[in-house]
Amino acid sequence: MARKFCNKPFFIGIACLIIGLWTAPYFILGEDAHMRIHDNLDSNIAWYKVLKESGQLFAPGDAPIGQIINGELKRNAFYTEFYAMIALFMVFPPVIAYGLSQLITRLLAFIGMYLLLKDFIVKDERAWFIQIGTALTFSLIPYWPSGMLSILGMPLALWAFLHIRAGKAKWFHYLILTGLPFLSSFVLGFFYFLTAMGVVWLIDAIRTRKWNVRFLLAIVYMTGIYLLMDHRLVTSMLLSHEPTNRDVFYESKNSLAATFKLILKNYIFAHNQDRSVHDKLILPFSLLCLVYVIWKKRWKEEKLFLFLHFFHLALSAWYAFWFYEGWQPLKERVGILNSFNFSRFHYFSPVVVYALFALSLKILADAVRSWPFLGGERTERLGKAAAAGLVLAQFLILVPYNEQIYYRHSPSFKQFYAEKQFQEIKAYIGKPAEDYRVASIGIHPAIAQYNGFYTLDTYNNIYPLSYKLEFRKIIERELEKDKTIRDYFDHWGGRCYIFTAELGKHYMFSKRSERVIKDLDLNTEQFKKMGGEYILSAVPILNAEENGLALEKVFEDDDSWWRIYLYRVNG
């Protein structure tokens, strides 16, 4: 009876069931669900709601988004209307849309990695349990949510491209290349993947002296779909435009020592947007297997395994050296090196890491199978058991990274956006939201934006440099007090926030916080000049009167994470 269930289809079904259970809390808990805050609740999810309510979904790229920074933010700053994440948020309530995006992404990530391992990485039919187990663990990594398949879709795309490259493509391989652009971002993922495919094609052409036209056309085809979808981005790149905050984005500041430290950090822990959770088990295990391969002199048999080890280290080196101070003079002369983040080839890391995991499990199983003193079927079973044990261990390591567990001490969706509380604030002010502007202190402005307020502050990747410089006048005296927030705002500015020296780079002060601002020094005349009337602060401002601010009311709500002090600008 046990043998009946110990087969490939059964375990594929179990893997899909686990993915379903992994994402089920979003549908069960609704707005009580927990999710990532950084680059998610503090930005993307609020953007989707603002875009939906703006009526500018299909507008031209230069159409203003009036709710944010006095309309200086343009439609170009948000995702294309053809992106599946946008479509989900246009149709479904936010948490349901988020849950569906997670379910779709993780299922396709599992399928893609399984197919890639089966056909190209671990091709031994006896190793199907390694293929399924590795693919499952890959699909459960804590990826950047708004990217959908920008990273987790790479195995599926690579599987299709490798079949096309080998001249064995079917219609569904081209269907994958057609569909993936709707489920992923070009700039935040597949630009780097397609560049790598182009490099592979070029190496093949040089080595074999053959053009492989189908492979080349497939790369051009998928790139073309991305460019057509994100037509606003293409237009803005081809046409001249006013300077943006990214034109003064100085990120190459690390010394050589700091650069080598960052190589090691990224190699062991990865980047926050492509966390593969490989430091606890996969990395030490694969390094042990590397020692074994070298000891046994299995160079030819494990060429792919050795290459992937080198490639993993090379990705970390490329990422770290992008921030090396020696690059900065060149970046200042060549604008695109400043405005476009070429370090993101590290997005390949999760695919590389889990391919290494699968190959390491195969090396382990083969090593056990070769033990002479057990022999026969017993070594086969023992090899499978050892590999299955490590897959189970990696799965257990990943469980605490499920958002409901990892972010359990952070605000839930309902607590973060605190809709009831912010509607009370809006009702207290008693004017149409478009007739006044607000800014936030100690909380993300995305919360006010989500709740329909018109904000002078924002978190966006690209907006006019002229607005940033005008906004800077509001906080210039606070920036003078603290080099950290000054460098953060001046050399990046994606977070166009009211920074204060006393709070620093922190904007999550809950109602349990005892922090206060004792010595605020804002240019409230500039704030008024830009249309600002109210400040929503998560902490009390003790010298509010000196800044021309009057405390109107303190708002609290049982379902909110915040205590909001509403200050009005005098005059």
Protein backbone atom coordinates (compact mmCIF):
# COMPACT_ATOMS: atom_id res chain seq x y z
CA MET A 1 0.00 0.00 0.00
CA ALA A 2 2.84 2.41 0.91
CA ARG A 3 4.52 1.83 -2.47
CA LYS A 4 1.28 2.84 -4.21
CA PHE A 5 1.59 6.35 -2.80
CA CYS A 6 5.39 6.68 -3.03
CA ASN A 7 5.38 7.83 -6.64
CA LYS A 8 6.02 11.00 -8.57
CA PRO A 9 2.40 12.16 -9.25
CA PHE A 10 1.46 11.68 -5.60
CA PHE A 11 4.35 13.83 -4.35
CA ILE A 12 3.72 16.51 -6.97
CA GLY A 13 0.16 16.67 -5.63
CA ILE A 14 1.47 16.92 -2.05
CA ALA A 15 3.80 19.75 -3.08
CA CYS A 16 0.91 21.69 -4.66
CA LEU A 17 -1.18 21.11 -1.52
CA ILE A 18 1.62 22.51 0.66
CA ILE A 19 1.80 25.62 -1.53
CA GLY A 20 -1.97 26.00 -1.17
CA LEU A 21 -1.72 25.74 2.62
CA TRP A 22 1.22 28.17 2.63
CA THR A 23 -0.91 30.86 0.98
CA ALA A 24 -4.25 29.98 2.60
CA PRO A 25 -4.00 32.49 5.51
CA TYR A 26 -4.53 35.45 3.16
CA PHE A 27 -7.93 34.05 2.19
CA ILE A 28 -8.84 32.88 5.70
CA LEU A 29 -7.61 35.82 7.78
CA GLY A 30 -8.34 38.58 5.27
CA GLU A 31 -7.21 41.96 6.57
CA ASP A 32 -5.95 40.34 9.78
CA ALA A 33 -3.20 38.68 7.73
CA HIS A 34 0.40 39.77 8.16
CA MET A 35 2.71 40.60 5.28
CA ARG A 36 6.00 42.25 4.47
CA ILE A 37 6.17 46.00 5.13
CA HIS A 38 9.39 47.08 3.38
CA ASP A 39 8.81 47.68 -0.35
CA ASN A 40 5.32 46.27 0.06
CA LEU A 41 2.83 47.75 2.54
CA ASP A 42 4.90 50.95 2.74
CA SER A 43 4.72 51.48 -1.02
CA ASN A 44 3.47 49.06 -3.66
CA ILE A 45 0.10 48.10 -2.18
CA ALA A 46 -0.77 51.75 -1.56
CA TRP A 47 0.33 52.57 -5.13
CA TYR A 48 -2.12 50.03 -6.54
CA LYS A 49 -4.99 51.59 -4.62
CA VAL A 50 -4.00 55.14 -5.57
CA LEU A 51 -3.70 54.11 -9.22
CA LYS A 52 -7.08 52.38 -9.13
CA GLU A 53 -8.83 55.41 -7.61
CA SER A 54 -7.01 57.95 -9.78
CA GLY A 55 -8.72 56.81 -12.96
CA GLN A 56 -5.30 57.00 -14.68
CA LEU A 57 -4.73 53.30 -15.27
CA PHE A 58 -4.65 53.70 -19.07
CA ALA A 59 -3.53 57.33 -19.11
CA PRO A 60 -0.44 58.59 -21.00
CA GLY A 61 2.88 58.30 -19.22
CA ASP A 62 3.07 61.99 -18.37
CA ALA A 63 -0.43 62.13 -16.86
CA PRO A 64 -0.24 63.47 -13.28
CA ILE A 65 -1.23 61.40 -10.25
CA GLY A 66 -2.85 64.29 -8.41
CA GLN A 67 -3.02 62.63 -4.99
CA ILE A 68 0.78 62.44 -4.61
CA ILE A 69 3.28 65.33 -4.39
CA ASN A 70 0.96 67.90 -5.95
CA GLY A 71 0.60 65.92 -9.17
CA GLU A 72 4.36 65.97 -9.81
CA LEU A 73 4.31 62.16 -9.76
CA LYS A 74 3.44 60.89 -13.24
CA ARG A 75 1.72 57.76 -14.48
CA ASN A 76 5.16 56.55 -15.65
CA ALA A 77 6.14 56.03 -12.01
CA PHE A 78 3.70 53.11 -11.63
CA TYR A 79 3.54 49.68 -13.27
CA THR A 80 2.08 49.02 -16.70
CA GLU A 81 -1.66 48.29 -16.87
CA PHE A 82 -0.82 44.93 -18.46
CA TYR A 83 0.95 43.63 -15.36
CA ALA A 84 -1.03 40.83 -13.68
CA MET A 85 -0.37 42.27 -10.20
CA ILE A 86 -2.16 45.48 -11.25
CA ALA A 87 -5.03 43.51 -12.78
CA LEU A 88 -5.53 41.50 -9.58
CA PHE A 89 -5.67 44.66 -7.45
CA MET A 90 -8.08 46.31 -9.90
CA VAL A 91 -10.52 43.38 -9.64
CA PHE A 92 -10.20 41.95 -6.12
CA PRO A 93 -10.01 43.37 -2.59
CA PRO A 94 -6.35 44.05 -1.71
CA VAL A 95 -5.63 41.07 0.57
CA ILE A 96 -7.38 38.61 -1.78
CA ALA A 97 -5.45 40.06 -4.73
CA TYR A 98 -2.23 39.70 -2.73
CA GLY A 99 -3.06 36.10 -1.80
CA LEU A 100 -3.85 35.20 -5.41
CA SER A 101 -0.56 36.71 -6.57
CA GLN A 102 1.28 34.60 -3.99
CA LEU A 103 -0.55 31.42 -5.00
CA ILE A 104 0.00 31.94 -8.74
CA THR A 105 3.66 32.85 -8.26
CA ARG A 106 4.54 29.96 -6.00
CA LEU A 107 2.75 27.33 -8.11
CA LEU A 108 4.46 28.48 -11.32
CA ALA A 109 7.79 28.73 -9.47
CA PHE A 110 7.41 25.11 -8.38
CA ILE A 111 6.45 23.92 -11.87
CA GLY A 112 9.28 25.87 -13.50
CA MET A 113 12.01 24.67 -11.16
CA TYR A 114 10.77 21.08 -11.32
CA LEU A 115 10.84 21.07 -15.14
CA LEU A 116 14.27 22.73 -15.24
CA LEU A 117 15.76 20.22 -12.81
CA LYS A 118 14.13 17.25 -14.53
CA ASP A 119 15.23 18.13 -18.06
CA PHE A 120 18.56 19.90 -17.57
CA ILE A 121 20.03 19.85 -14.05
CA VAL A 122 19.32 16.48 -12.38
CA LYS A 123 18.29 14.32 -15.31
CA ASP A 124 18.46 10.95 -13.54
CA GLU A 125 14.93 9.53 -13.52
CA ARG A 126 15.64 7.87 -10.17
CA ALA A 127 16.13 11.34 -8.63
CA TRP A 128 12.52 12.55 -9.09
CA PHE A 129 12.20 13.00 -5.31
CA ILE A 130 15.15 15.44 -5.45
CA GLN A 131 13.54 17.31 -8.34
CA ILE A 132 10.19 17.66 -6.56
CA GLY A 133 11.65 18.43 -3.11
CA THR A 134 14.06 21.06 -4.36
CA ALA A 135 11.39 22.69 -6.52
CA LEU A 136 9.02 22.86 -3.55
CA THR A 137 11.55 24.52 -1.26
CA PHE A 138 12.47 26.97 -4.04
CA SER A 139 8.82 27.95 -4.42
CA LEU A 140 8.51 28.80 -0.71
CA ILE A 141 11.36 31.30 -0.43
CA PRO A 142 10.41 34.79 0.88
CA TYR A 143 10.50 36.60 -2.46
CA TRP A 144 9.70 40.28 -3.02
CA PRO A 145 5.89 40.13 -3.34
CA SER A 146 5.24 42.79 -5.98
CA GLY A 147 7.78 41.18 -8.28
CA MET A 148 5.58 38.11 -8.77
CA LEU A 149 7.57 35.93 -11.20
CA SER A 150 10.30 38.52 -11.80
CA ILE A 151 12.72 36.21 -9.97
CA LEU A 152 10.76 33.03 -9.28
CA GLY A 153 9.77 32.75 -12.95
CA MET A 154 13.35 32.48 -14.17
CA PRO A 155 13.51 28.65 -13.95
CA LEU A 156 10.40 28.35 -16.14
CA ALA A 157 11.80 30.82 -18.68
CA LEU A 158 15.19 29.11 -18.65
CA TRP A 159 13.56 25.73 -19.22
CA ALA A 160 11.75 27.10 -22.29
CA PHE A 161 14.86 28.86 -23.65
CA LEU A 162 17.07 25.80 -23.22
CA HIS A 163 14.62 23.71 -25.23
CA ILE A 164 14.55 26.38 -27.95
CA ARG A 165 18.35 26.59 -27.89
CA ALA A 166 18.57 22.80 -28.36
CA GLY A 167 16.14 22.91 -31.29
CA LYS A 168 13.53 20.87 -29.40
CA ALA A 169 10.94 23.55 -28.76
CA LYS A 170 7.20 22.93 -28.79
CA TRP A 171 4.39 25.50 -29.04
CA PHE A 172 4.06 25.69 -25.24
CA HIS A 173 7.66 26.84 -24.84
CA TYR A 174 6.82 29.93 -26.89
CA LEU A 175 3.57 30.29 -24.94
CA ILE A 176 5.64 30.55 -21.76
CA LEU A 177 7.79 33.31 -23.29
CA THR A 178 4.57 35.10 -24.27
CA GLY A 179 2.85 34.78 -20.90
CA LEU A 180 5.66 35.45 -18.43
CA PRO A 181 5.99 39.18 -19.29
CA PHE A 182 2.44 39.69 -17.96
CA LEU A 183 3.46 38.10 -14.65
CA SER A 184 6.82 39.76 -14.07
CA SER A 185 8.79 42.98 -14.33
CA PHE A 186 11.31 43.71 -17.06
CA VAL A 187 13.29 46.34 -15.15
CA LEU A 188 13.15 44.44 -11.85
CA GLY A 189 14.05 40.99 -13.08
CA PHE A 190 13.90 39.89 -16.68
CA PHE A 191 16.16 42.58 -18.15
CA TYR A 192 19.00 40.78 -16.39
CA PHE A 193 17.76 37.33 -17.38
CA LEU A 194 17.40 38.24 -21.07
CA THR A 195 20.80 39.93 -21.05
CA ALA A 196 22.26 36.66 -19.76
CA MET A 197 20.42 34.72 -22.49
CA GLY A 198 21.97 37.09 -25.03
CA VAL A 199 25.42 36.37 -23.62
CA VAL A 200 24.77 32.62 -23.86
CA TRP A 201 23.68 33.02 -27.49
CA LEU A 202 26.82 35.05 -28.29
CA ILE A 203 29.14 32.48 -26.66
CA ASP A 204 27.39 29.70 -28.59
CA ALA A 205 27.78 31.66 -31.85
CA ILE A 206 31.50 32.25 -31.28
CA ARG A 207 32.16 28.68 -30.23
CA THR A 208 30.11 26.86 -32.86
CA ARG A 209 30.17 29.53 -35.61
CA LYS A 210 26.42 29.03 -36.00
CA TRP A 211 23.80 31.72 -35.47
CA ASN A 212 21.02 29.60 -33.89
CA VAL A 213 18.41 31.97 -35.28
CA ARG A 214 15.52 30.42 -33.34
CA PHE A 215 17.26 31.02 -30.03
CA LEU A 216 18.13 34.61 -30.99
CA LEU A 217 14.61 35.36 -32.23
CA ALA A 218 13.13 33.91 -29.03
CA ILE A 219 15.25 36.33 -26.98
CA VAL A 220 14.23 39.25 -29.22
CA TYR A 221 10.57 38.11 -29.10
CA MET A 222 10.33 38.05 -25.31
CA THR A 223 12.23 41.34 -25.02
CA GLY A 224 9.86 42.89 -27.55
CA ILE A 225 6.80 41.85 -25.54
CA TYR A 226 8.24 43.47 -22.41
CA LEU A 227 9.02 46.69 -24.29
CA LEU A 228 5.55 46.82 -25.84
CA MET A 229 3.91 46.22 -22.48
CA ASP A 230 5.96 48.87 -20.71
CA HIS A 231 5.62 51.39 -23.52
CA ARG A 232 5.69 54.29 -21.06
CA LEU A 233 9.14 53.28 -19.84
CA VAL A 234 10.42 52.98 -23.40
CA THR A 235 9.00 56.39 -24.34
CA SER A 236 10.47 58.08 -21.29
CA MET A 237 13.89 56.56 -22.01
CA LEU A 238 13.90 57.58 -25.68
CA LEU A 239 12.57 61.09 -25.22
CA SER A 240 14.33 63.82 -23.26
CA HIS A 241 12.95 64.39 -19.79
CA GLU A 242 13.45 66.67 -16.85
CA PRO A 243 15.99 65.59 -14.20
CA THR A 244 14.68 63.19 -11.56
CA ASN A 245 15.74 62.17 -8.09
CA ARG A 246 17.67 59.27 -9.66
CA ASP A 247 19.98 61.71 -11.46
CA VAL A 248 21.59 62.44 -8.08
CA PHE A 249 21.48 58.84 -6.90
CA TYR A 250 25.02 58.30 -5.59
CA GLU A 251 25.28 54.71 -4.39
CA SER A 252 28.95 53.83 -5.02
CA LYS A 253 30.41 54.84 -1.67
CA ASN A 254 31.98 51.66 -0.27
CA SER A 255 35.68 51.29 0.34
CA LEU A 256 37.54 48.24 -0.97
CA ALA A 257 37.39 46.62 2.48
CA ALA A 258 33.65 47.28 2.74
CA THR A 259 33.20 45.87 -0.77
CA PHE A 260 34.81 42.55 0.14
CA LYS A 261 32.72 42.44 3.29
CA LEU A 262 29.59 42.95 1.16
CA ILE A 263 30.66 40.12 -1.18
CA LEU A 264 30.80 37.77 1.78
CA LYS A 265 27.51 39.05 3.20
CA ASN A 266 25.65 38.63 -0.08
CA TYR A 267 27.24 35.23 -0.74
CA ILE A 268 26.07 33.93 2.64
CA PHE A 269 22.78 35.75 3.20
CA ALA A 270 21.69 37.16 -0.23
CA HIS A 271 19.85 40.42 -0.86
CA ASN A 272 16.53 41.30 0.82
CA GLN A 273 14.69 41.14 -2.54
CA ASP A 274 15.97 37.66 -3.48
CA ARG A 275 16.37 35.92 -0.14
CA SER A 276 16.95 32.25 -0.77
CA VAL A 277 17.48 31.29 2.91
CA HIS A 278 20.49 29.19 2.01
CA ASP A 279 22.89 30.15 4.80
CA LYS A 280 21.79 27.57 7.37
CA LEU A 281 21.81 24.38 5.31
CA ILE A 282 22.21 24.70 1.52
CA LEU A 283 25.46 26.69 1.55
CA PRO A 284 27.40 24.52 4.06
CA PHE A 285 26.02 21.33 2.52
CA SER A 286 26.96 22.37 -1.03
CA LEU A 287 30.44 23.40 0.16
CA LEU A 288 30.89 19.98 1.76
CA CYS A 289 29.87 18.40 -1.54
CA LEU A 290 32.38 20.67 -3.29
CA VAL A 291 35.13 19.32 -1.03
CA TYR A 292 33.99 15.77 -1.83
CA VAL A 293 34.03 16.43 -5.60
CA ILE A 294 37.55 17.89 -5.39
CA TRP A 295 38.74 15.01 -3.19
CA LYS A 296 37.32 12.42 -5.58
CA LYS A 297 38.61 14.42 -8.61
CA ARG A 298 35.19 14.32 -10.23
CA TRP A 299 35.91 17.39 -12.38
CA LYS A 300 34.35 16.16 -15.59
CA GLU A 301 31.33 14.49 -14.02
CA GLU A 302 30.37 17.59 -11.99
CA LYS A 303 31.21 20.43 -14.39
CA LEU A 304 27.81 22.09 -13.92
CA PHE A 305 28.07 21.80 -10.14
CA LEU A 306 31.51 23.46 -10.17
CA PHE A 307 30.35 26.19 -12.57
CA LEU A 308 27.34 27.06 -10.41
CA HIS A 309 29.56 27.42 -7.34
CA PHE A 310 31.76 29.86 -9.25
CA PHE A 311 28.73 31.67 -10.70
CA HIS A 312 27.18 32.11 -7.24
CA LEU A 313 30.35 33.77 -5.96
CA ALA A 314 30.68 35.87 -9.14
CA LEU A 315 27.13 37.22 -8.72
CA SER A 316 27.94 38.36 -5.19
CA ALA A 317 31.17 39.98 -6.38
CA TRP A 318 29.38 41.83 -9.19
CA TYR A 319 26.71 43.05 -6.78
CA ALA A 320 29.21 44.26 -4.18
CA PHE A 321 31.57 45.98 -6.63
CA TRP A 322 28.68 47.97 -8.11
CA PHE A 323 28.75 49.95 -4.85
CA TYR A 324 32.56 50.35 -4.81
CA GLU A 325 33.58 54.02 -4.63
CA GLY A 326 35.89 53.62 -7.62
CA TRP A 327 32.83 53.43 -9.91
CA GLN A 328 31.37 56.79 -8.89
CA PRO A 329 33.36 59.12 -11.22
CA LEU A 330 32.26 57.03 -14.21
CA LYS A 331 28.66 56.94 -12.99
CA GLU A 332 28.59 60.72 -12.70
CA ARG A 333 29.64 61.02 -16.35
CA VAL A 334 27.38 58.27 -17.75
CA GLY A 335 23.84 58.98 -16.58
CA ILE A 336 22.33 55.53 -17.13
CA LEU A 337 24.89 53.97 -14.77
CA ASN A 338 23.49 56.22 -12.05
CA SER A 339 19.79 55.91 -12.83
CA PHE A 340 19.70 52.17 -13.62
CA ASN A 341 20.77 49.58 -11.07
CA PHE A 342 22.97 47.12 -12.96
CA SER A 343 23.88 45.34 -9.72
CA ARG A 344 20.67 43.35 -9.92
CA PHE A 345 22.18 40.41 -11.75
CA HIS A 346 22.15 38.97 -8.23
CA TYR A 347 18.46 38.17 -8.94
CA PHE A 348 19.81 34.95 -10.47
CA SER A 349 21.02 33.84 -7.03
CA PRO A 350 17.93 31.88 -5.89
CA VAL A 351 17.88 29.84 -9.11
CA VAL A 352 21.61 29.14 -8.81
CA VAL A 353 21.39 28.28 -5.11
CA TYR A 354 18.56 25.78 -5.51
CA ALA A 355 20.14 24.22 -8.59
CA LEU A 356 23.23 23.74 -6.42
CA PHE A 357 21.04 22.24 -3.71
CA ALA A 358 19.58 19.70 -6.15
CA LEU A 359 23.01 18.77 -7.52
CA SER A 360 24.39 18.45 -3.99
CA LEU A 361 21.54 16.10 -3.06
CA LYS A 362 22.28 14.05 -6.17
CA ILE A 363 25.99 13.88 -5.26
CA LEU A 364 25.02 12.72 -1.76
CA ALA A 365 22.61 10.07 -3.05
CA ASP A 366 25.18 8.78 -5.55
CA ALA A 367 27.89 8.69 -2.89
CA VAL A 368 25.70 6.62 -0.55
CA ARG A 369 24.65 4.38 -3.43
CA SER A 370 28.31 3.57 -4.11
CA TRP A 371 28.97 2.27 -0.59
CA PRO A 372 30.14 -1.34 -1.07
CA PHE A 373 29.40 -2.68 2.39
CA LEU A 374 25.59 -2.31 2.14
CA GLY A 375 24.92 -3.16 -1.45
CA GLY A 376 21.90 -3.26 -3.66
CA GLU A 377 18.54 -1.85 -2.78
CA ARG A 378 19.53 -0.89 0.76
CA THR A 379 22.02 1.75 -0.43
CA GLU A 380 19.43 3.05 -2.89
CA ARG A 381 16.90 3.52 -0.07
CA LEU A 382 19.49 5.03 2.25
CA GLY A 383 20.60 7.55 -0.41
CA LYS A 384 17.01 8.61 -1.00
CA ALA A 385 16.36 8.87 2.73
CA ALA A 386 19.43 11.07 3.27
CA ALA A 387 18.41 13.40 0.43
CA ALA A 388 14.77 13.48 1.59
CA GLY A 389 15.91 14.29 5.12
CA LEU A 390 17.84 17.32 3.91
CA VAL A 391 14.89 18.51 1.81
CA LEU A 392 12.66 18.19 4.87
CA ALA A 393 15.22 20.11 6.94
CA GLN A 394 15.29 22.96 4.38
CA PHE A 395 11.50 23.01 4.35
CA LEU A 396 11.44 23.33 8.16
CA ILE A 397 14.01 26.13 7.93
CA LEU A 398 11.68 27.96 5.50
CA VAL A 399 8.53 27.59 7.62
CA PRO A 400 9.40 30.51 9.97
CA TYR A 401 9.76 32.71 6.87
CA ASN A 402 6.09 32.35 6.04
CA GLU A 403 4.76 35.92 6.33
CA GLN A 404 2.20 35.03 9.01
CA ILE A 405 5.02 33.80 11.25
CA TYR A 406 7.90 36.07 10.24
CA TYR A 407 5.86 39.29 10.56
CA ARG A 408 3.64 38.20 13.46
CA HIS A 409 5.06 40.95 15.70
CA SER A 410 4.45 43.61 13.03
CA PRO A 411 1.10 45.22 12.24
CA SER A 412 -1.44 43.23 10.25
CA PHE A 413 -2.82 44.70 7.04
CA LYS A 414 -5.79 46.17 8.96
CA GLN A 415 -3.59 47.58 11.73
CA PHE A 416 -1.11 49.08 9.30
CA TYR A 417 -3.54 50.97 7.08
CA ALA A 418 -5.93 51.74 9.99
CA GLU A 419 -8.77 52.76 7.67
CA LYS A 420 -11.31 53.51 10.41
CA GLN A 421 -8.89 55.77 12.28
CA PHE A 422 -7.85 57.69 9.17
CA GLN A 423 -11.46 58.15 8.09
CA GLU A 424 -12.10 59.72 11.50
CA ILE A 425 -9.19 62.10 10.88
CA LYS A 426 -10.57 62.97 7.47
CA ALA A 427 -14.05 63.56 8.94
CA TYR A 428 -12.59 65.76 11.68
CA ILE A 429 -10.80 67.96 9.14
CA GLY A 430 -14.12 68.20 7.34
CA LYS A 431 -12.92 69.35 3.92
CA PRO A 432 -12.61 67.54 0.58
CA ALA A 433 -9.26 65.73 0.60
CA GLU A 434 -8.15 67.40 -2.63
CA ASP A 435 -8.42 70.85 -1.00
CA TYR A 436 -5.50 70.41 1.41
CA ARG A 437 -2.20 68.55 1.69
CA VAL A 438 -0.76 66.50 4.53
CA ALA A 439 2.62 65.01 5.43
CA SER A 440 3.56 62.34 7.96
CA ILE A 441 6.16 62.07 10.71
CA GLY A 442 7.10 58.73 12.24
CA ILE A 443 4.82 56.73 9.90
CA HIS A 444 4.93 55.93 6.20
CA PRO A 445 3.06 58.40 3.96
CA ALA A 446 1.70 55.37 2.09
CA ILE A 447 -0.80 54.99 4.94
CA ALA A 448 -2.28 58.44 4.33
CA GLN A 449 -2.21 57.82 0.56
CA TYR A 450 -4.01 54.48 0.94
CA ASN A 451 -6.71 56.29 2.90
CA GLY A 452 -7.27 58.92 0.24
CA PHE A 453 -5.27 61.85 1.63
CA TYR A 454 -3.32 64.08 -0.73
CA THR A 455 0.29 64.02 0.44
CA LEU A 456 3.35 66.20 -0.03
CA ASP A 457 5.57 63.28 0.98
CA THR A 458 5.92 59.91 -0.73
CA TYR A 459 8.00 56.82 -1.37
CA ASN A 460 8.57 56.43 -5.10
CA ASN A 461 11.51 55.37 -7.22
CA ILE A 462 11.34 58.25 -9.68
CA TYR A 463 9.91 61.76 -9.45
CA PRO A 464 11.11 65.25 -10.53
CA LEU A 465 14.36 66.47 -8.99
CA SER A 466 12.85 69.97 -8.82
CA TYR A 467 10.19 68.68 -6.40
CA LYS A 468 12.79 66.95 -4.26
CA LEU A 469 14.76 70.20 -3.95
CA GLU A 470 11.62 72.17 -3.04
CA PHE A 471 10.62 69.56 -0.44
CA ARG A 472 14.17 69.60 0.97
CA LYS A 473 13.65 73.21 2.07
CA ILE A 474 11.04 71.97 4.56
CA ILE A 475 13.52 69.67 6.31
CA GLU A 476 16.85 71.35 5.53
CA ARG A 477 17.56 72.37 9.14
CA GLU A 478 16.80 68.83 10.36
CA LEU A 479 19.10 67.38 7.69
CA GLU A 480 21.89 69.70 8.85
CA LYS A 481 21.73 68.08 12.29
CA ASP A 482 22.34 64.50 11.14
CA LYS A 483 24.68 63.25 8.40
CA THR A 484 22.91 59.88 8.06
CA ILE A 485 19.52 61.27 7.09
CA ARG A 486 21.18 64.03 5.03
CA ASP A 487 23.11 61.52 2.90
CA TYR A 488 20.06 59.25 2.70
CA PHE A 489 17.84 62.03 1.37
CA ASP A 490 20.37 63.87 -0.80
CA HIS A 491 22.03 60.83 -2.40
CA TRP A 492 18.85 58.87 -2.97
CA GLY A 493 15.62 60.55 -1.97
CA GLY A 494 13.26 57.74 -2.96
CA ARG A 495 11.78 58.29 0.48
CA CYS A 496 10.71 61.92 0.22
CA TYR A 497 9.79 62.00 3.92
CA ILE A 498 9.81 64.60 6.67
CA PHE A 499 12.96 63.30 8.34
CA THR A 500 13.90 64.49 11.80
CA ALA A 501 17.28 64.16 13.48
CA GLU A 502 15.70 62.74 16.64
CA LEU A 503 13.80 59.94 14.87
CA GLY A 504 16.41 59.27 12.17
CA LYS A 505 15.60 56.69 9.49
CA HIS A 506 12.68 55.23 11.45
CA TYR A 507 9.03 55.55 10.49
CA MET A 508 7.20 52.82 12.41
CA PHE A 509 6.42 54.33 15.83
CA SER A 510 3.44 52.43 17.21
CA LYS A 511 0.96 53.64 19.82
CA ARG A 512 3.03 51.73 22.40
CA SER A 513 6.05 53.91 21.66
CA GLU A 514 7.19 56.44 24.26
CA ARG A 515 9.31 58.45 21.80
CA VAL A 516 8.78 62.20 21.55
CA ILE A 517 10.29 64.95 19.41
CA LYS A 518 11.76 67.62 21.65
CA ASP A 519 13.52 69.93 19.21
CA LEU A 520 11.84 69.93 15.79
CA ASP A 521 13.02 72.58 13.36
CA LEU A 522 10.92 72.63 10.18
CA ASN A 523 10.48 75.35 7.60
CA THR A 524 6.70 75.51 7.95
CA GLU A 525 6.50 78.55 5.65
CA GLN A 526 7.86 76.33 2.84
CA PHE A 527 5.42 73.62 3.92
CA LYS A 528 2.52 76.08 3.54
CA LYS A 529 3.91 77.38 0.26
CA MET A 530 3.70 73.83 -1.15
CA GLY A 531 0.09 73.55 0.02
CA GLY A 532 0.67 71.76 3.32
CA GLU A 533 -1.91 72.30 6.06
CA TYR A 534 -1.69 69.25 8.34
CA ILE A 535 0.97 66.97 9.77
CA LEU A 536 0.09 63.44 10.84
CA SER A 537 2.62 62.49 13.51
CA ALA A 538 3.00 59.14 15.24
CA VAL A 539 4.78 60.84 18.16
CA PRO A 540 4.10 64.06 20.10
CA ILE A 541 6.04 67.18 19.08
CA LEU A 542 6.93 69.02 22.28
CA ASN A 543 8.00 72.27 20.60
CA ALA A 544 5.14 72.33 18.08
CA GLU A 545 4.30 75.99 18.75
CA GLU A 546 7.85 77.07 17.92
CA ASN A 547 7.31 75.50 14.50
CA GLY A 548 3.99 77.21 13.95
CA LEU A 549 2.07 74.01 14.57
CA ALA A 550 -1.07 73.63 16.67
CA LEU A 551 -2.18 70.24 18.03
CA GLU A 552 -5.74 69.69 16.85
CA LYS A 553 -6.56 66.25 18.25
CA VAL A 554 -5.06 62.85 19.12
CA PHE A 555 -6.67 59.87 17.36
CA GLU A 556 -6.61 56.29 18.66
CA ASP A 557 -8.39 53.14 17.54
CA ASP A 558 -8.36 49.57 18.81
CA ASP A 559 -7.79 48.19 15.29
CA SER A 560 -4.89 50.57 14.55
CA TRP A 561 -1.17 50.17 15.18
CA TRP A 562 -0.80 53.94 15.56
CA ARG A 563 -1.61 56.90 17.76
CA ILE A 564 -1.94 59.87 15.43
CA TYR A 565 -1.27 63.42 16.56
CA LEU A 566 -2.96 65.79 14.11
CA TYR A 567 -1.12 69.12 13.84
CA ARG A 568 -2.38 72.09 11.84
CA VAL A 569 -0.05 74.73 10.43
CA ASN A 570 -0.93 78.15 11.85
CA GLY A 571 -1.93 80.90 9.46
